[in-house]
Amino acid sequence: RWTFRAMLLLAIAFALLLHAPGLAGEFNIFDDFRQIHWEEHVNTWSWEGFWYLISGNYKGANQNLMYASFQANWAIAGKTYWVWYLFNLGGLALLTALVGWIALRTVGDRTTAALAAALFAATPIVSELMCWMSARSHLLGLLFTLLAFATWLEYRRSRRWWAWLVLSVVAFALSQLCKPVFIILPVWLV
């Protein structure tokens, strides 16, 4: 008899194997080079630049965390694409786990939850999240939005521990620093 953790780990392994060929890819010159390699604030590591990207409204995009993650990646990897892609694979693993956990909490069946996680990872739009580095705003935004939803579910379940609600609000605020399109979450929850 399979436990939910074992099935979820299998779904995450499936997600990572499915997207592993992307490690041999390269940056898209029309989008990724413009977003990463030609931006002085992004491709030159400094604490001053990092805090500017976190606290400012760089390019008026409200995607502070995406640009800060770019700068951290740049400091570690330079132009080495596969290291950038590894970061996205880590984000995919977390997203797949969150999808499975939310499915378990909402549906209650562990097999269905693990299948939901695997199906999420196999959805064609996930390939864009993985391969286009400038789509990292969607990857991080979705990660924090789902985390906000998951912690809200825990708050609704426990009702006595307000820390879940605080974590939900913080995760929602972080989602807005990645991609403001996720502003719809509170309306959806209501």
N, C-alpha and C. Protein backbone atom coordinates (compact mmCIF):
# COMPACT_ATOMS: atom_id res chain seq x y z
N ARG A 1 0.85 -1.19 0.00
CA ARG A 1 0.00 0.00 0.00
C ARG A 1 0.88 1.24 0.00
N TRP A 2 0.65 2.10 -0.96
CA TRP A 2 1.45 3.31 -1.12
C TRP A 2 0.98 4.41 -0.19
N THR A 3 1.92 5.10 0.43
CA THR A 3 1.56 6.26 1.24
C THR A 3 1.49 7.48 0.32
N PHE A 4 0.85 8.54 0.81
CA PHE A 4 0.75 9.75 0.00
C PHE A 4 2.12 10.34 -0.27
N ARG A 5 3.01 10.32 0.73
CA ARG A 5 4.36 10.87 0.53
C ARG A 5 5.09 10.14 -0.59
N ALA A 6 4.97 8.82 -0.61
CA ALA A 6 5.63 8.04 -1.66
C ALA A 6 5.06 8.38 -3.03
N MET A 7 3.73 8.49 -3.12
CA MET A 7 3.10 8.82 -4.40
C MET A 7 3.46 10.24 -4.83
N LEU A 8 3.53 11.17 -3.87
CA LEU A 8 3.89 12.55 -4.21
C LEU A 8 5.35 12.63 -4.66
N LEU A 9 6.24 11.90 -3.99
CA LEU A 9 7.63 11.86 -4.43
C LEU A 9 7.75 11.28 -5.84
N LEU A 10 6.93 10.29 -6.14
CA LEU A 10 6.91 9.72 -7.49
C LEU A 10 6.44 10.76 -8.50
N ALA A 11 5.42 11.55 -8.15
CA ALA A 11 4.92 12.61 -9.04
C ALA A 11 6.00 13.68 -9.25
N ILE A 12 6.73 14.04 -8.20
CA ILE A 12 7.80 15.03 -8.32
C ILE A 12 8.93 14.48 -9.18
N ALA A 13 9.28 13.20 -8.98
CA ALA A 13 10.33 12.58 -9.81
C ALA A 13 9.90 12.57 -11.28
N PHE A 14 8.63 12.27 -11.53
CA PHE A 14 8.10 12.30 -12.89
C PHE A 14 8.24 13.70 -13.48
N ALA A 15 7.89 14.72 -12.69
CA ALA A 15 7.99 16.11 -13.16
C ALA A 15 9.42 16.47 -13.51
N LEU A 16 10.35 16.10 -12.65
CA LEU A 16 11.76 16.43 -12.89
C LEU A 16 12.32 15.70 -14.10
N LEU A 17 11.97 14.41 -14.24
CA LEU A 17 12.43 13.65 -15.41
C LEU A 17 11.83 14.17 -16.70
N LEU A 18 10.56 14.55 -16.65
CA LEU A 18 9.87 15.06 -17.83
C LEU A 18 10.54 16.34 -18.35
N HIS A 19 10.99 17.19 -17.42
CA HIS A 19 11.57 18.47 -17.82
C HIS A 19 13.10 18.48 -17.79
N ALA A 20 13.72 17.35 -17.47
CA ALA A 20 15.19 17.26 -17.43
C ALA A 20 15.86 17.58 -18.77
N PRO A 21 15.27 17.23 -19.93
CA PRO A 21 15.93 17.56 -21.20
C PRO A 21 16.21 19.06 -21.36
N GLY A 22 15.47 19.90 -20.65
CA GLY A 22 15.70 21.34 -20.73
C GLY A 22 17.06 21.77 -20.22
N LEU A 23 17.72 20.91 -19.44
CA LEU A 23 19.06 21.22 -18.95
C LEU A 23 20.05 21.42 -20.10
N ALA A 24 19.77 20.81 -21.24
CA ALA A 24 20.65 20.92 -22.40
C ALA A 24 20.25 22.08 -23.31
N GLY A 25 19.33 22.94 -22.85
CA GLY A 25 18.86 24.05 -23.67
C GLY A 25 19.79 25.24 -23.63
N GLU A 26 19.28 26.37 -24.06
CA GLU A 26 20.05 27.61 -24.05
C GLU A 26 19.09 28.79 -23.92
N PHE A 27 19.64 29.95 -23.64
CA PHE A 27 18.81 31.14 -23.49
C PHE A 27 18.18 31.53 -24.81
N ASN A 28 16.96 32.01 -24.76
CA ASN A 28 16.29 32.53 -25.94
C ASN A 28 16.77 33.96 -26.14
N ILE A 29 17.36 34.24 -27.30
CA ILE A 29 18.02 35.54 -27.50
C ILE A 29 17.04 36.70 -27.51
N PHE A 30 15.79 36.48 -27.91
CA PHE A 30 14.85 37.59 -28.03
C PHE A 30 14.26 38.00 -26.69
N ASP A 31 14.16 37.08 -25.77
CA ASP A 31 13.50 37.40 -24.51
C ASP A 31 14.47 37.32 -23.34
N ASP A 32 15.12 36.18 -23.16
CA ASP A 32 15.96 35.99 -21.99
C ASP A 32 17.18 36.89 -21.99
N PHE A 33 17.79 37.13 -23.15
CA PHE A 33 18.95 38.00 -23.18
C PHE A 33 18.56 39.43 -22.81
N ARG A 34 17.39 39.85 -23.29
CA ARG A 34 16.93 41.20 -22.97
C ARG A 34 16.66 41.34 -21.48
N GLN A 35 16.08 40.30 -20.87
CA GLN A 35 15.70 40.36 -19.46
C GLN A 35 16.87 40.13 -18.52
N ILE A 36 17.88 39.39 -18.96
CA ILE A 36 18.94 38.99 -18.05
C ILE A 36 20.28 39.61 -18.40
N HIS A 37 20.77 39.34 -19.59
CA HIS A 37 22.16 39.67 -19.91
C HIS A 37 22.41 41.13 -20.24
N TRP A 38 21.40 41.85 -20.68
CA TRP A 38 21.63 43.23 -21.08
C TRP A 38 21.20 44.22 -20.01
N GLU A 39 20.78 43.76 -18.86
CA GLU A 39 20.29 44.65 -17.81
C GLU A 39 21.37 44.84 -16.76
N GLU A 40 21.90 46.04 -16.64
CA GLU A 40 22.99 46.32 -15.72
C GLU A 40 22.60 46.02 -14.27
N HIS A 41 21.37 46.35 -13.89
CA HIS A 41 20.93 46.11 -12.51
C HIS A 41 20.83 44.62 -12.20
N VAL A 42 20.62 43.81 -13.23
CA VAL A 42 20.42 42.38 -13.03
C VAL A 42 21.73 41.61 -13.13
N ASN A 43 22.59 41.94 -14.09
CA ASN A 43 23.75 41.08 -14.36
C ASN A 43 25.04 41.55 -13.68
N THR A 44 24.95 42.48 -12.78
CA THR A 44 26.11 42.89 -12.00
C THR A 44 25.77 42.70 -10.53
N TRP A 45 26.44 41.76 -9.87
CA TRP A 45 26.09 41.45 -8.49
C TRP A 45 26.61 42.51 -7.53
N SER A 46 25.71 42.99 -6.68
CA SER A 46 26.10 43.85 -5.56
C SER A 46 24.92 43.86 -4.59
N TRP A 47 25.23 44.03 -3.30
CA TRP A 47 24.14 44.11 -2.33
C TRP A 47 23.27 45.33 -2.59
N GLU A 48 23.90 46.41 -3.01
CA GLU A 48 23.14 47.63 -3.31
C GLU A 48 22.14 47.38 -4.44
N GLY A 49 22.63 46.71 -5.50
CA GLY A 49 21.73 46.39 -6.61
C GLY A 49 20.64 45.42 -6.20
N PHE A 50 21.01 44.44 -5.38
CA PHE A 50 20.01 43.46 -4.90
C PHE A 50 18.90 44.15 -4.12
N TRP A 51 19.28 45.04 -3.18
CA TRP A 51 18.25 45.73 -2.38
C TRP A 51 17.44 46.69 -3.24
N TYR A 52 18.09 47.26 -4.26
CA TYR A 52 17.34 48.12 -5.19
C TYR A 52 16.26 47.30 -5.90
N LEU A 53 16.63 46.10 -6.35
CA LEU A 53 15.66 45.26 -7.05
C LEU A 53 14.55 44.77 -6.12
N ILE A 54 14.90 44.50 -4.85
CA ILE A 54 13.89 44.03 -3.89
C ILE A 54 12.94 45.15 -3.48
N SER A 55 13.49 46.34 -3.24
CA SER A 55 12.68 47.40 -2.64
C SER A 55 12.13 48.40 -3.65
N GLY A 56 12.71 48.47 -4.83
CA GLY A 56 12.27 49.45 -5.80
C GLY A 56 11.22 48.90 -6.74
N ASN A 57 10.86 49.71 -7.71
CA ASN A 57 9.92 49.28 -8.75
C ASN A 57 10.67 49.31 -10.07
N TYR A 58 11.62 48.39 -10.19
CA TYR A 58 12.51 48.35 -11.34
C TYR A 58 11.73 48.18 -12.64
N LYS A 59 11.92 49.09 -13.56
CA LYS A 59 11.25 49.09 -14.86
C LYS A 59 9.74 49.19 -14.74
N GLY A 60 9.24 49.57 -13.57
CA GLY A 60 7.79 49.70 -13.39
C GLY A 60 7.04 48.39 -13.53
N ALA A 61 7.74 47.28 -13.35
CA ALA A 61 7.15 45.97 -13.62
C ALA A 61 6.54 45.30 -12.41
N ASN A 62 6.83 45.79 -11.20
CA ASN A 62 6.35 45.14 -9.96
C ASN A 62 6.70 43.66 -9.94
N GLN A 63 7.89 43.33 -10.37
CA GLN A 63 8.35 41.94 -10.37
C GLN A 63 9.67 41.85 -9.60
N ASN A 64 9.69 42.48 -8.44
CA ASN A 64 10.91 42.62 -7.65
C ASN A 64 11.60 41.29 -7.40
N LEU A 65 10.85 40.28 -6.97
CA LEU A 65 11.47 39.01 -6.61
C LEU A 65 12.03 38.28 -7.82
N MET A 66 11.39 38.44 -8.97
CA MET A 66 11.93 37.81 -10.17
C MET A 66 13.31 38.40 -10.49
N TYR A 67 13.42 39.73 -10.48
CA TYR A 67 14.69 40.36 -10.81
C TYR A 67 15.75 40.07 -9.76
N ALA A 68 15.34 40.03 -8.49
CA ALA A 68 16.30 39.69 -7.44
C ALA A 68 16.79 38.25 -7.61
N SER A 69 15.89 37.35 -8.01
CA SER A 69 16.32 35.96 -8.26
C SER A 69 17.24 35.90 -9.46
N PHE A 70 17.01 36.75 -10.46
CA PHE A 70 17.92 36.82 -11.61
C PHE A 70 19.31 37.22 -11.14
N GLN A 71 19.38 38.24 -10.28
CA GLN A 71 20.69 38.71 -9.85
C GLN A 71 21.41 37.65 -9.02
N ALA A 72 20.67 36.95 -8.16
CA ALA A 72 21.29 35.87 -7.38
C ALA A 72 21.79 34.77 -8.30
N ASN A 73 20.97 34.40 -9.31
CA ASN A 73 21.40 33.39 -10.29
C ASN A 73 22.63 33.85 -11.05
N TRP A 74 22.64 35.12 -11.42
CA TRP A 74 23.77 35.66 -12.16
C TRP A 74 25.05 35.55 -11.35
N ALA A 75 24.94 35.87 -10.05
CA ALA A 75 26.12 35.81 -9.18
C ALA A 75 26.66 34.38 -9.07
N ILE A 76 25.75 33.40 -9.10
CA ILE A 76 26.15 31.99 -8.97
C ILE A 76 26.57 31.39 -10.31
N ALA A 77 25.81 31.69 -11.36
CA ALA A 77 25.95 30.94 -12.61
C ALA A 77 26.48 31.72 -13.79
N GLY A 78 26.46 33.05 -13.74
CA GLY A 78 26.84 33.80 -14.93
C GLY A 78 25.92 33.45 -16.09
N LYS A 79 26.49 33.12 -17.24
CA LYS A 79 25.68 32.78 -18.42
C LYS A 79 25.49 31.27 -18.60
N THR A 80 25.75 30.50 -17.58
CA THR A 80 25.62 29.05 -17.67
C THR A 80 24.14 28.67 -17.54
N TYR A 81 23.54 28.35 -18.68
CA TYR A 81 22.09 28.15 -18.74
C TYR A 81 21.61 27.03 -17.83
N TRP A 82 22.32 25.91 -17.77
CA TRP A 82 21.80 24.75 -17.03
C TRP A 82 21.68 25.05 -15.54
N VAL A 83 22.53 25.94 -15.02
CA VAL A 83 22.40 26.30 -13.59
C VAL A 83 21.15 27.13 -13.38
N TRP A 84 20.86 28.03 -14.33
CA TRP A 84 19.61 28.79 -14.26
C TRP A 84 18.42 27.82 -14.31
N TYR A 85 18.51 26.84 -15.18
CA TYR A 85 17.42 25.89 -15.35
C TYR A 85 17.24 25.03 -14.09
N LEU A 86 18.33 24.72 -13.40
CA LEU A 86 18.23 23.96 -12.15
C LEU A 86 17.37 24.71 -11.12
N PHE A 87 17.53 26.04 -11.05
CA PHE A 87 16.69 26.83 -10.16
C PHE A 87 15.22 26.62 -10.50
N ASN A 88 14.90 26.67 -11.80
CA ASN A 88 13.52 26.47 -12.22
C ASN A 88 13.03 25.06 -11.91
N LEU A 89 13.90 24.06 -12.04
CA LEU A 89 13.51 22.69 -11.68
C LEU A 89 13.16 22.60 -10.19
N GLY A 90 13.94 23.30 -9.35
CA GLY A 90 13.61 23.33 -7.92
C GLY A 90 12.26 23.96 -7.67
N GLY A 91 11.97 25.05 -8.39
CA GLY A 91 10.65 25.68 -8.28
C GLY A 91 9.55 24.75 -8.73
N LEU A 92 9.79 23.99 -9.80
CA LEU A 92 8.79 23.04 -10.28
C LEU A 92 8.54 21.94 -9.25
N ALA A 93 9.60 21.45 -8.60
CA ALA A 93 9.43 20.42 -7.57
C ALA A 93 8.54 20.95 -6.44
N LEU A 94 8.79 22.18 -6.00
CA LEU A 94 7.96 22.78 -4.95
C LEU A 94 6.52 22.98 -5.40
N LEU A 95 6.35 23.45 -6.64
CA LEU A 95 4.99 23.64 -7.18
C LEU A 95 4.24 22.32 -7.26
N THR A 96 4.91 21.29 -7.74
CA THR A 96 4.27 19.98 -7.87
C THR A 96 3.85 19.46 -6.49
N ALA A 97 4.70 19.63 -5.49
CA ALA A 97 4.35 19.21 -4.13
C ALA A 97 3.16 20.01 -3.60
N LEU A 98 3.14 21.31 -3.85
CA LEU A 98 2.03 22.14 -3.38
C LEU A 98 0.71 21.76 -4.05
N VAL A 99 0.77 21.51 -5.35
CA VAL A 99 -0.45 21.08 -6.07
C VAL A 99 -0.97 19.77 -5.47
N GLY A 100 -0.07 18.83 -5.23
CA GLY A 100 -0.49 17.56 -4.63
C GLY A 100 -1.07 17.74 -3.23
N TRP A 101 -0.44 18.58 -2.43
CA TRP A 101 -0.91 18.81 -1.06
C TRP A 101 -2.27 19.50 -1.06
N ILE A 102 -2.44 20.51 -1.93
CA ILE A 102 -3.74 21.20 -2.02
C ILE A 102 -4.81 20.24 -2.51
N ALA A 103 -4.47 19.42 -3.49
CA ALA A 103 -5.45 18.43 -3.99
C ALA A 103 -5.84 17.45 -2.89
N LEU A 104 -4.88 17.04 -2.07
CA LEU A 104 -5.19 16.13 -0.97
C LEU A 104 -6.13 16.80 0.03
N ARG A 105 -5.88 18.07 0.35
CA ARG A 105 -6.71 18.80 1.31
C ARG A 105 -8.12 19.07 0.78
N THR A 106 -8.23 19.28 -0.52
CA THR A 106 -9.54 19.63 -1.07
C THR A 106 -10.35 18.42 -1.53
N VAL A 107 -9.66 17.38 -2.02
CA VAL A 107 -10.36 16.19 -2.53
C VAL A 107 -10.39 15.08 -1.49
N GLY A 108 -9.27 14.92 -0.77
CA GLY A 108 -9.22 13.92 0.28
C GLY A 108 -8.69 12.56 -0.13
N ASP A 109 -8.52 12.34 -1.42
CA ASP A 109 -8.03 11.04 -1.90
C ASP A 109 -6.57 11.17 -2.31
N ARG A 110 -5.70 10.38 -1.71
CA ARG A 110 -4.26 10.55 -1.97
C ARG A 110 -3.85 10.14 -3.37
N THR A 111 -4.50 9.15 -3.95
CA THR A 111 -4.17 8.76 -5.33
C THR A 111 -4.54 9.88 -6.29
N THR A 112 -5.72 10.45 -6.12
CA THR A 112 -6.16 11.57 -6.96
C THR A 112 -5.23 12.76 -6.79
N ALA A 113 -4.80 13.01 -5.57
CA ALA A 113 -3.91 14.14 -5.29
C ALA A 113 -2.57 13.96 -5.99
N ALA A 114 -2.01 12.78 -5.92
CA ALA A 114 -0.73 12.51 -6.58
C ALA A 114 -0.87 12.61 -8.10
N LEU A 115 -1.99 12.11 -8.63
CA LEU A 115 -2.24 12.22 -10.07
C LEU A 115 -2.40 13.68 -10.49
N ALA A 116 -3.07 14.48 -9.65
CA ALA A 116 -3.23 15.91 -9.94
C ALA A 116 -1.87 16.59 -10.02
N ALA A 117 -0.98 16.23 -9.10
CA ALA A 117 0.37 16.81 -9.11
C ALA A 117 1.12 16.43 -10.38
N ALA A 118 1.04 15.16 -10.77
CA ALA A 118 1.73 14.70 -11.99
C ALA A 118 1.13 15.35 -13.23
N LEU A 119 -0.20 15.47 -13.28
CA LEU A 119 -0.84 16.11 -14.43
C LEU A 119 -0.47 17.58 -14.52
N PHE A 120 -0.38 18.24 -13.37
CA PHE A 120 0.05 19.63 -13.37
C PHE A 120 1.43 19.75 -14.00
N ALA A 121 2.35 18.90 -13.59
CA ALA A 121 3.73 18.97 -14.09
C ALA A 121 3.80 18.68 -15.59
N ALA A 122 2.85 17.89 -16.10
CA ALA A 122 2.86 17.52 -17.52
C ALA A 122 2.08 18.50 -18.39
N THR A 123 1.46 19.50 -17.79
CA THR A 123 0.71 20.49 -18.55
C THR A 123 1.66 21.28 -19.45
N PRO A 124 1.32 21.44 -20.73
CA PRO A 124 2.26 22.12 -21.65
C PRO A 124 2.69 23.52 -21.20
N ILE A 125 1.84 24.26 -20.53
CA ILE A 125 2.22 25.62 -20.12
C ILE A 125 3.37 25.60 -19.11
N VAL A 126 3.54 24.49 -18.40
CA VAL A 126 4.65 24.38 -17.45
C VAL A 126 5.98 24.43 -18.18
N SER A 127 6.02 23.94 -19.42
CA SER A 127 7.27 23.99 -20.20
C SER A 127 7.72 25.43 -20.41
N GLU A 128 6.78 26.34 -20.61
CA GLU A 128 7.15 27.75 -20.76
C GLU A 128 7.70 28.31 -19.46
N LEU A 129 7.10 27.93 -18.34
CA LEU A 129 7.63 28.36 -17.04
C LEU A 129 9.06 27.90 -16.86
N MET A 130 9.37 26.74 -17.37
CA MET A 130 10.69 26.16 -17.17
C MET A 130 11.74 26.74 -18.11
N CYS A 131 11.41 26.90 -19.37
CA CYS A 131 12.42 27.19 -20.39
C CYS A 131 12.66 28.67 -20.66
N TRP A 132 11.67 29.51 -20.42
CA TRP A 132 11.86 30.93 -20.64
C TRP A 132 12.20 31.56 -19.29
N MET A 133 13.42 32.02 -19.14
CA MET A 133 13.83 32.54 -17.84
C MET A 133 13.01 33.76 -17.44
N SER A 134 12.57 34.55 -18.41
CA SER A 134 11.78 35.72 -18.07
C SER A 134 10.37 35.34 -17.65
N ALA A 135 9.99 34.07 -17.81
CA ALA A 135 8.71 33.59 -17.29
C ALA A 135 8.83 33.19 -15.83
N ARG A 136 10.00 33.42 -15.23
CA ARG A 136 10.18 33.08 -13.82
C ARG A 136 9.20 33.86 -12.94
N SER A 137 8.76 35.03 -13.39
CA SER A 137 7.77 35.78 -12.62
C SER A 137 6.51 34.95 -12.44
N HIS A 138 6.14 34.19 -13.46
CA HIS A 138 4.96 33.32 -13.35
C HIS A 138 5.25 32.14 -12.42
N LEU A 139 6.45 31.58 -12.55
CA LEU A 139 6.83 30.45 -11.70
C LEU A 139 6.81 30.85 -10.22
N LEU A 140 7.48 31.94 -9.90
CA LEU A 140 7.51 32.39 -8.50
C LEU A 140 6.15 32.88 -8.04
N GLY A 141 5.45 33.60 -8.92
CA GLY A 141 4.12 34.10 -8.56
C GLY A 141 3.16 32.97 -8.26
N LEU A 142 3.16 31.94 -9.09
CA LEU A 142 2.29 30.79 -8.86
C LEU A 142 2.69 30.05 -7.59
N LEU A 143 3.98 29.91 -7.36
CA LEU A 143 4.46 29.24 -6.15
C LEU A 143 3.95 29.95 -4.90
N PHE A 144 4.10 31.27 -4.83
CA PHE A 144 3.65 32.01 -3.65
C PHE A 144 2.13 32.08 -3.56
N THR A 145 1.45 32.12 -4.70
CA THR A 145 -0.02 32.14 -4.68
C THR A 145 -0.57 30.82 -4.14
N LEU A 146 -0.01 29.71 -4.63
CA LEU A 146 -0.45 28.41 -4.12
C LEU A 146 -0.08 28.23 -2.65
N LEU A 147 1.07 28.78 -2.24
CA LEU A 147 1.44 28.73 -0.83
C LEU A 147 0.46 29.54 0.01
N ALA A 148 0.03 30.70 -0.51
CA ALA A 148 -0.98 31.51 0.20
C ALA A 148 -2.28 30.72 0.34
N PHE A 149 -2.66 30.02 -0.72
CA PHE A 149 -3.89 29.22 -0.67
C PHE A 149 -3.75 28.06 0.30
N ALA A 150 -2.60 27.37 0.26
CA ALA A 150 -2.38 26.22 1.14
C ALA A 150 -2.40 26.64 2.61
N THR A 151 -1.74 27.75 2.94
CA THR A 151 -1.72 28.20 4.34
C THR A 151 -3.09 28.71 4.75
N TRP A 152 -3.84 29.28 3.81
CA TRP A 152 -5.22 29.69 4.12
C TRP A 152 -6.09 28.47 4.42
N LEU A 153 -5.90 27.38 3.66
CA LEU A 153 -6.64 26.14 3.94
C LEU A 153 -6.32 25.63 5.35
N GLU A 154 -5.05 25.70 5.74
CA GLU A 154 -4.67 25.27 7.09
C GLU A 154 -5.29 26.16 8.15
N TYR A 155 -5.32 27.46 7.87
CA TYR A 155 -5.97 28.38 8.82
C TYR A 155 -7.45 28.03 8.96
N ARG A 156 -8.11 27.79 7.85
CA ARG A 156 -9.55 27.45 7.89
C ARG A 156 -9.77 26.15 8.66
N ARG A 157 -8.83 25.23 8.54
CA ARG A 157 -8.96 23.94 9.22
C ARG A 157 -8.71 24.06 10.72
N SER A 158 -7.71 24.84 11.11
CA SER A 158 -7.34 24.90 12.53
C SER A 158 -8.06 26.01 13.29
N ARG A 159 -8.30 27.13 12.64
CA ARG A 159 -9.01 28.29 13.21
C ARG A 159 -8.41 28.86 14.49
N ARG A 160 -7.66 28.10 15.24
CA ARG A 160 -7.10 28.62 16.48
C ARG A 160 -5.69 29.15 16.30
N TRP A 161 -5.02 28.72 15.27
CA TRP A 161 -3.64 29.12 15.11
C TRP A 161 -3.56 30.19 14.04
N TRP A 162 -3.48 31.45 14.46
CA TRP A 162 -3.51 32.59 13.56
C TRP A 162 -2.25 32.71 12.70
N ALA A 163 -1.21 32.00 13.06
CA ALA A 163 0.03 32.07 12.28
C ALA A 163 -0.22 31.62 10.83
N TRP A 164 -1.14 30.67 10.63
CA TRP A 164 -1.45 30.24 9.26
C TRP A 164 -2.01 31.40 8.45
N LEU A 165 -2.86 32.20 9.05
CA LEU A 165 -3.44 33.35 8.35
C LEU A 165 -2.35 34.38 8.04
N VAL A 166 -1.47 34.62 9.00
CA VAL A 166 -0.36 35.57 8.78
C VAL A 166 0.53 35.06 7.64
N LEU A 167 0.87 33.77 7.66
CA LEU A 167 1.68 33.20 6.58
C LEU A 167 0.98 33.32 5.22
N SER A 168 -0.33 33.15 5.23
CA SER A 168 -1.09 33.27 3.99
C SER A 168 -1.01 34.69 3.43
N VAL A 169 -1.14 35.67 4.30
CA VAL A 169 -1.07 37.07 3.86
C VAL A 169 0.34 37.40 3.36
N VAL A 170 1.37 36.93 4.06
CA VAL A 170 2.75 37.18 3.64
C VAL A 170 3.02 36.52 2.28
N ALA A 171 2.58 35.28 2.11
CA ALA A 171 2.79 34.59 0.83
C ALA A 171 2.06 35.32 -0.29
N PHE A 172 0.86 35.81 0.00
CA PHE A 172 0.12 36.58 -1.01
C PHE A 172 0.87 37.86 -1.38
N ALA A 173 1.42 38.55 -0.38
CA ALA A 173 2.18 39.78 -0.66
C ALA A 173 3.40 39.45 -1.52
N LEU A 174 4.09 38.35 -1.23
CA LEU A 174 5.24 37.94 -2.04
C LEU A 174 4.82 37.59 -3.48
N SER A 175 3.63 37.01 -3.62
CA SER A 175 3.15 36.69 -4.97
C SER A 175 2.96 37.97 -5.79
N GLN A 176 2.57 39.06 -5.12
CA GLN A 176 2.38 40.32 -5.81
C GLN A 176 3.71 40.96 -6.22
N LEU A 177 4.78 40.59 -5.52
CA LEU A 177 6.10 41.10 -5.89
C LEU A 177 6.73 40.26 -7.01
N CYS A 178 6.06 39.17 -7.38
CA CYS A 178 6.53 38.34 -8.49
C CYS A 178 5.73 38.64 -9.75
N LYS A 179 4.42 38.64 -9.62
CA LYS A 179 3.54 38.85 -10.77
C LYS A 179 2.20 39.35 -10.25
N PRO A 180 1.92 40.65 -10.38
CA PRO A 180 0.69 41.21 -9.80
C PRO A 180 -0.61 40.62 -10.34
N VAL A 181 -0.54 39.83 -11.43
CA VAL A 181 -1.76 39.24 -11.99
C VAL A 181 -2.43 38.32 -10.97
N PHE A 182 -1.68 37.83 -9.98
CA PHE A 182 -2.25 36.93 -8.99
C PHE A 182 -3.07 37.66 -7.93
N ILE A 183 -3.40 38.93 -8.18
CA ILE A 183 -4.23 39.72 -7.28
C ILE A 183 -5.63 39.09 -7.13
N ILE A 184 -5.99 38.22 -8.05
CA ILE A 184 -7.33 37.61 -8.02
C ILE A 184 -7.51 36.62 -6.88
N LEU A 185 -6.44 36.20 -6.22
CA LEU A 185 -6.55 35.16 -5.19
C LEU A 185 -7.56 35.50 -4.09
N PRO A 186 -7.54 36.69 -3.47
CA PRO A 186 -8.52 36.96 -2.41
C PRO A 186 -9.96 36.87 -2.90
N VAL A 187 -10.21 37.34 -4.14
CA VAL A 187 -11.56 37.25 -4.69
C VAL A 187 -11.97 35.81 -4.85
N TRP A 188 -11.02 34.98 -5.31
CA TRP A 188 -11.28 33.55 -5.49
C TRP A 188 -11.59 32.90 -4.16
N LEU A 189 -10.84 33.26 -3.11
CA LEU A 189 -11.06 32.65 -1.80
C LEU A 189 -12.44 33.04 -1.25
N VAL A 190 -12.85 34.29 -1.45
CA VAL A 190 -14.17 34.74 -0.98
C VAL A 190 -15.25 33.98 -1.73
